[in-house]
Amino acid sequence: IGLPVPVSHAAINAKGEFDTGEPILPGDWTPGLSQLFKNPGFAFDAGVDIKVNQRWSFSASVLDIGHTSWKKNGYRFAFKDTVYNISLDHPFKMAIPLKLYLAGSYNLSPRWNTGVVFRNVFYDEKTYTSSTLSLNGYVFRMLSTTLSYTNAHSFHSFGGGIRLRLLPGMDVYAVSDNISRIKNYREMQHVNFAFGLNMAFGINQKKAVNS
């Protein structure tokens, strides 16, 4: 495990055993910008988007090609019976799980389309596969929505999301792939959730064409 600061001294006894009843980080620790660059990592993404015609489009991408590196505050935990032994083990590198996406979409109408995404995650010499089928479109000009069904290696779920236009060129959105189990959120084992703000800058295409 890699940490931003050394393990709290109160959490380790004289035998090098970790006390699970104590916080792993020092109580006076606060996040700082300088600590973000002590253990650098590097990764990049690559992808392609192909529009076949007005109805069909396809895409492919590979994400997180790289690794994270820990030069300081890297620790190794060993568990036996009810005892955790902890030892300093630095430096080390850890690969970031590589993700492969293949997707296609079909325009049902000017406002609605359906799509499918195949996702492979490569981690620890294993492959985790999932696929998502979605229906996406505009309810009206300022509001768009998406409904989805995901089938993965160990679960299946229904998802959804909305995008609301606040101002010209400014949207807010929220989306999750597992809204069907929100009531029992404590029992969720798999969920992805995203919330954000989109701001667009550039030339108005209609004005550019008319000019």
Protein backbone atom coordinates (compact mmCIF):
# COMPACT_ATOMS: atom_id res chain seq x y z
CA ILE A 1 0.00 0.00 0.00
CA GLY A 2 1.20 3.50 -0.80
CA LEU A 3 0.44 6.40 1.54
CA PRO A 4 0.89 10.18 1.25
CA VAL A 5 2.69 10.34 4.65
CA PRO A 6 4.37 7.83 7.00
CA VAL A 7 2.13 5.49 9.01
CA SER A 8 1.14 6.83 12.41
CA HIS A 9 3.56 5.67 15.14
CA ALA A 10 0.61 4.93 17.41
CA ALA A 11 -0.61 2.31 14.92
CA ILE A 12 2.58 0.17 15.11
CA ASN A 13 3.83 -1.58 18.25
CA ALA A 14 7.40 -2.61 19.10
CA LYS A 15 6.99 -5.94 17.23
CA GLY A 16 6.09 -4.18 14.00
CA GLU A 17 2.44 -5.23 14.29
CA PHE A 18 -0.33 -2.97 13.06
CA ASP A 19 -3.07 -2.05 15.51
CA THR A 20 -6.34 -2.03 13.53
CA GLY A 21 -7.96 0.05 16.27
CA GLU A 22 -5.68 3.02 15.54
CA PRO A 23 -5.86 5.38 12.54
CA ILE A 24 -3.32 4.48 9.87
CA LEU A 25 -2.48 8.16 9.20
CA PRO A 26 -1.23 10.66 11.81
CA GLY A 27 -4.00 12.66 13.44
CA ASP A 28 -2.40 16.01 12.54
CA TRP A 29 -2.03 15.13 8.85
CA THR A 30 -3.69 17.46 6.35
CA PRO A 31 -3.52 17.14 2.54
CA GLY A 32 -1.05 19.47 0.86
CA LEU A 33 -0.13 20.19 -2.76
CA SER A 34 3.53 19.43 -2.13
CA GLN A 35 2.65 15.87 -1.11
CA LEU A 36 0.95 15.18 -4.44
CA PHE A 37 4.29 15.11 -6.29
CA LYS A 38 6.31 12.88 -3.95
CA ASN A 39 5.14 9.68 -5.63
CA PRO A 40 4.55 10.40 -9.32
CA GLY A 41 2.74 8.22 -11.81
CA PHE A 42 2.24 8.37 -15.55
CA ALA A 43 -0.50 7.12 -17.85
CA PHE A 44 -2.01 8.07 -21.19
CA ASP A 45 -5.11 7.25 -23.23
CA ALA A 46 -5.66 6.65 -26.93
CA GLY A 47 -8.82 6.34 -28.97
CA VAL A 48 -10.55 6.70 -32.32
CA ASP A 49 -14.08 7.73 -33.31
CA ILE A 50 -15.51 6.77 -36.71
CA LYS A 51 -18.74 8.16 -38.16
CA VAL A 52 -19.90 5.78 -40.90
CA ASN A 53 -23.00 7.76 -41.95
CA GLN A 54 -25.87 9.76 -40.44
CA ARG A 55 -27.09 6.66 -38.56
CA TRP A 56 -24.05 4.66 -37.50
CA SER A 57 -20.89 5.55 -35.57
CA PHE A 58 -18.22 3.47 -33.83
CA SER A 59 -15.40 4.12 -31.38
CA ALA A 60 -12.54 2.35 -29.64
CA SER A 61 -10.24 3.47 -26.85
CA VAL A 62 -7.54 2.23 -24.50
CA LEU A 63 -7.30 4.00 -21.13
CA ASP A 64 -4.73 4.14 -18.33
CA ILE A 65 -1.67 2.88 -20.17
CA GLY A 66 0.95 3.36 -17.49
CA HIS A 67 1.80 2.89 -13.83
CA THR A 68 2.00 4.63 -10.48
CA SER A 69 5.34 4.82 -8.67
CA TRP A 70 5.98 5.06 -4.92
CA LYS A 71 9.41 6.33 -3.89
CA LYS A 72 8.38 7.15 -0.33
CA ASN A 73 5.87 5.79 2.19
CA GLY A 74 5.37 2.42 0.53
CA TYR A 75 4.42 -0.36 2.96
CA ARG A 76 3.89 -4.10 2.86
CA PHE A 77 1.19 -5.70 5.01
CA ALA A 78 1.28 -9.41 5.95
CA PHE A 79 -1.74 -11.01 7.59
CA LYS A 80 -1.60 -14.14 9.76
CA ASP A 81 -4.45 -15.24 12.04
CA THR A 82 -5.56 -11.93 13.59
CA VAL A 83 -2.22 -10.11 13.36
CA TYR A 84 -1.12 -7.62 10.71
CA ASN A 85 2.63 -7.24 10.31
CA ILE A 86 3.77 -4.10 8.55
CA SER A 87 7.14 -3.35 7.03
CA LEU A 88 8.62 -0.59 4.94
CA ASP A 89 8.99 -1.69 1.32
CA HIS A 90 10.00 1.10 -1.03
CA PRO A 91 10.34 2.01 -3.81
CA PHE A 92 7.81 0.07 -5.87
CA LYS A 93 5.75 0.43 -9.04
CA MET A 94 2.17 -0.66 -9.52
CA ALA A 95 0.45 -1.00 -12.88
CA ILE A 96 -2.81 0.87 -13.36
CA PRO A 97 -5.61 -1.45 -14.51
CA LEU A 98 -5.72 -1.17 -18.31
CA LYS A 99 -9.17 -0.55 -19.80
CA LEU A 100 -10.31 -1.32 -23.36
CA TYR A 101 -13.59 0.08 -24.72
CA LEU A 102 -15.37 -0.80 -27.96
CA ALA A 103 -18.60 1.04 -28.72
CA GLY A 104 -21.20 1.64 -31.39
CA SER A 105 -24.29 3.81 -31.68
CA TYR A 106 -27.31 4.04 -33.98
CA ASN A 107 -29.45 7.16 -34.41
CA LEU A 108 -33.11 6.25 -34.12
CA SER A 109 -34.18 9.84 -34.84
CA PRO A 110 -32.65 13.32 -34.73
CA ARG A 111 -33.22 13.36 -30.93
CA TRP A 112 -32.76 9.72 -29.86
CA ASN A 113 -30.08 7.07 -30.30
CA THR A 114 -29.19 3.68 -28.90
CA GLY A 115 -25.71 2.39 -28.19
CA VAL A 116 -23.68 -0.51 -26.87
CA VAL A 117 -20.33 -0.46 -25.05
CA PHE A 118 -18.04 -3.45 -24.46
CA ARG A 119 -15.52 -2.93 -21.66
CA ASN A 120 -12.50 -5.05 -20.69
CA VAL A 121 -10.37 -4.34 -17.63
CA PHE A 122 -7.00 -6.10 -17.47
CA TYR A 123 -5.70 -6.39 -13.91
CA ASP A 124 -3.44 -8.85 -12.10
CA GLU A 125 -3.27 -11.17 -15.13
CA LYS A 126 -7.07 -11.42 -15.20
CA THR A 127 -9.73 -9.96 -17.49
CA TYR A 128 -12.98 -8.43 -16.29
CA THR A 129 -15.58 -8.01 -19.04
CA SER A 130 -18.83 -6.08 -19.10
CA SER A 131 -21.27 -4.73 -21.69
CA THR A 132 -23.79 -1.90 -21.52
CA LEU A 133 -26.81 -1.23 -23.72
CA SER A 134 -28.24 2.28 -23.54
CA LEU A 135 -31.01 4.52 -24.87
CA ASN A 136 -30.09 8.21 -25.03
CA GLY A 137 -31.94 11.29 -26.14
CA TYR A 138 -33.48 14.70 -25.58
CA VAL A 139 -36.71 14.95 -23.59
CA PHE A 140 -36.77 18.59 -24.69
CA ARG A 141 -34.13 21.09 -25.71
CA MET A 142 -32.75 21.78 -22.22
CA LEU A 143 -33.00 18.25 -20.81
CA SER A 144 -31.48 15.00 -22.07
CA THR A 145 -31.45 11.61 -20.42
CA THR A 146 -30.02 8.11 -20.67
CA LEU A 147 -31.21 4.69 -19.55
CA SER A 148 -28.89 1.68 -19.52
CA TYR A 149 -28.53 -1.99 -18.70
CA THR A 150 -25.13 -3.42 -17.74
CA ASN A 151 -24.17 -7.08 -17.76
CA ALA A 152 -20.80 -7.83 -16.14
CA HIS A 153 -18.76 -10.78 -14.92
CA SER A 154 -20.38 -10.86 -11.48
CA PHE A 155 -23.40 -8.55 -11.58
CA HIS A 156 -26.03 -6.89 -13.73
CA SER A 157 -27.72 -3.54 -13.12
CA PHE A 158 -29.90 -0.79 -14.53
CA GLY A 159 -28.53 2.73 -14.76
CA GLY A 160 -29.58 6.20 -15.78
CA GLY A 161 -28.59 9.81 -15.97
CA ILE A 162 -29.71 13.33 -16.81
CA ARG A 163 -28.13 16.42 -18.35
CA LEU A 164 -29.66 19.86 -17.77
CA ARG A 165 -28.79 22.99 -19.76
CA LEU A 166 -28.44 25.88 -17.30
CA LEU A 167 -27.11 28.57 -19.64
CA PRO A 168 -25.98 28.61 -23.28
CA GLY A 169 -22.82 26.50 -23.33
CA MET A 170 -23.20 25.31 -19.72
CA ASP A 171 -24.62 21.94 -18.61
CA VAL A 172 -24.77 19.97 -15.38
CA TYR A 173 -25.05 16.19 -15.43
CA ALA A 174 -25.37 13.20 -13.13
CA VAL A 175 -25.16 9.55 -14.21
CA SER A 176 -24.82 6.14 -12.56
CA ASP A 177 -24.75 2.57 -13.83
CA ASN A 178 -26.56 1.14 -10.78
CA ILE A 179 -29.60 3.23 -9.86
CA SER A 180 -31.75 0.11 -9.46
CA ARG A 181 -30.20 -0.59 -6.04
CA ILE A 182 -30.06 2.88 -4.54
CA LYS A 183 -32.46 1.92 -1.75
CA ASN A 184 -30.03 -0.79 -0.64
CA TYR A 185 -26.88 1.25 -1.23
CA ARG A 186 -25.10 -0.27 1.78
CA GLU A 187 -25.19 -3.67 0.07
CA MET A 188 -23.85 -2.40 -3.28
CA GLN A 189 -20.65 -4.09 -4.43
CA HIS A 190 -20.33 -2.39 -7.83
CA VAL A 191 -21.31 1.15 -8.75
CA ASN A 192 -19.98 3.98 -10.91
CA PHE A 193 -21.27 7.50 -10.37
CA ALA A 194 -20.34 10.74 -12.09
CA PHE A 195 -21.48 14.31 -11.48
CA GLY A 196 -20.09 17.36 -13.18
CA LEU A 197 -20.33 20.63 -15.06
CA ASN A 198 -19.68 21.01 -18.79
CA MET A 199 -18.75 24.37 -20.34
CA ALA A 200 -18.43 24.77 -24.11
CA PHE A 201 -16.52 27.55 -25.87
CA GLY A 202 -16.20 28.17 -29.60
CA ILE A 203 -17.89 29.33 -32.77
CA ASN A 204 -21.62 28.79 -33.18
CA GLN A 205 -21.86 26.28 -36.03
CA LYS A 206 -25.13 27.68 -37.40
CA LYS A 207 -23.71 31.18 -37.54
CA ALA A 208 -20.50 29.89 -39.13
CA VAL A 209 -22.46 28.09 -41.87
CA ASN A 210 -24.71 31.11 -42.55
CA SER A 211 -21.74 33.44 -42.79
